[in-house]
């Protein structure tokens, strides 16, 4: 993960938190685990790439984690 070169707005922080929390629940993953932290890093990269809504970030994250699906 690179250090973000942008600042997350409040709404983006809420989207990031909600999407990662949903992913952790769906995958029965501890949010403090290394795997979950890697998902956070990926989600931040995706937000930086322009996926800033709950729906677009959820889809982009799912596609990045399971490209064959």
Protein backbone atom coordinates (compact mmCIF):
# COMPACT_ATOMS: atom_id res chain seq x y z
CA UNK A 1 0.00 0.00 0.00
CA UNK A 2 1.20 3.43 -0.85
CA UNK A 3 0.63 6.41 1.37
CA UNK A 4 -2.44 8.16 -0.04
CA UNK A 5 -1.65 11.30 -1.99
CA UNK A 6 -5.12 12.68 -1.34
CA UNK A 7 -7.35 13.39 1.62
CA UNK A 8 -10.46 11.35 2.33
CA UNK A 9 -13.54 13.47 2.82
CA UNK A 10 -15.95 12.59 5.67
CA UNK A 11 -18.37 10.93 3.27
CA UNK A 12 -15.58 8.86 1.77
CA UNK A 13 -14.44 7.71 5.20
CA UNK A 14 -18.00 6.59 5.92
CA UNK A 15 -18.19 4.75 2.58
CA UNK A 16 -14.82 3.08 3.21
CA UNK A 17 -15.86 2.00 6.70
CA UNK A 18 -19.24 0.68 5.60
CA UNK A 19 -17.86 -1.26 2.63
CA UNK A 20 -15.02 -2.84 4.61
CA UNK A 21 -17.33 -3.66 7.54
CA UNK A 22 -19.76 -5.35 5.14
CA UNK A 23 -16.91 -7.30 3.54
CA UNK A 24 -15.65 -8.44 6.94
CA UNK A 25 -19.12 -9.58 8.00
CA UNK A 26 -19.77 -11.38 4.70
CA UNK A 27 -16.42 -13.16 4.94
CA UNK A 28 -16.53 -13.72 8.71
CA UNK A 29 -13.27 -11.85 9.02
CA UNK A 30 -12.00 -10.03 12.10
CA UNK A 31 -11.72 -6.35 11.11
CA UNK A 32 -8.39 -6.19 12.95
CA UNK A 33 -6.88 -9.11 11.02
CA UNK A 34 -4.05 -8.71 8.53
CA UNK A 35 -6.36 -9.81 5.74
CA UNK A 36 -8.92 -7.14 6.61
CA UNK A 37 -6.17 -4.54 6.78
CA UNK A 38 -5.08 -5.55 3.26
CA UNK A 39 -8.69 -5.09 2.13
CA UNK A 40 -8.67 -1.60 3.69
CA UNK A 41 -5.50 -0.76 1.76
CA UNK A 42 -7.04 -2.00 -1.47
CA UNK A 43 -10.25 -0.08 -0.81
CA UNK A 44 -8.25 3.12 -0.23
CA UNK A 45 -6.47 2.57 -3.53
CA UNK A 46 -9.85 2.11 -5.21
CA UNK A 47 -11.22 5.30 -3.66
CA UNK A 48 -8.14 7.12 -4.96
CA UNK A 49 -8.91 5.64 -8.40
CA UNK A 50 -12.38 7.22 -8.31
CA UNK A 51 -14.69 4.62 -6.75
CA UNK A 52 -16.15 6.93 -4.12
CA UNK A 53 -19.73 5.77 -3.66
CA UNK A 54 -20.82 2.78 -1.59
CA UNK A 55 -22.07 0.92 -4.65
CA UNK A 56 -19.10 1.64 -6.90
CA UNK A 57 -16.55 0.83 -4.18
CA UNK A 58 -18.34 -2.40 -3.26
CA UNK A 59 -18.38 -3.55 -6.87
CA UNK A 60 -14.78 -2.53 -7.53
CA UNK A 61 -13.61 -4.26 -4.36
CA UNK A 62 -15.47 -7.46 -5.22
CA UNK A 63 -14.03 -7.41 -8.74
CA UNK A 64 -10.51 -6.78 -7.45
CA UNK A 65 -10.73 -9.61 -4.91
CA UNK A 66 -12.54 -12.07 -7.17
CA UNK A 67 -11.80 -11.09 -10.79
CA UNK A 68 -13.20 -14.33 -12.18
CA UNK A 69 -16.64 -13.83 -10.62
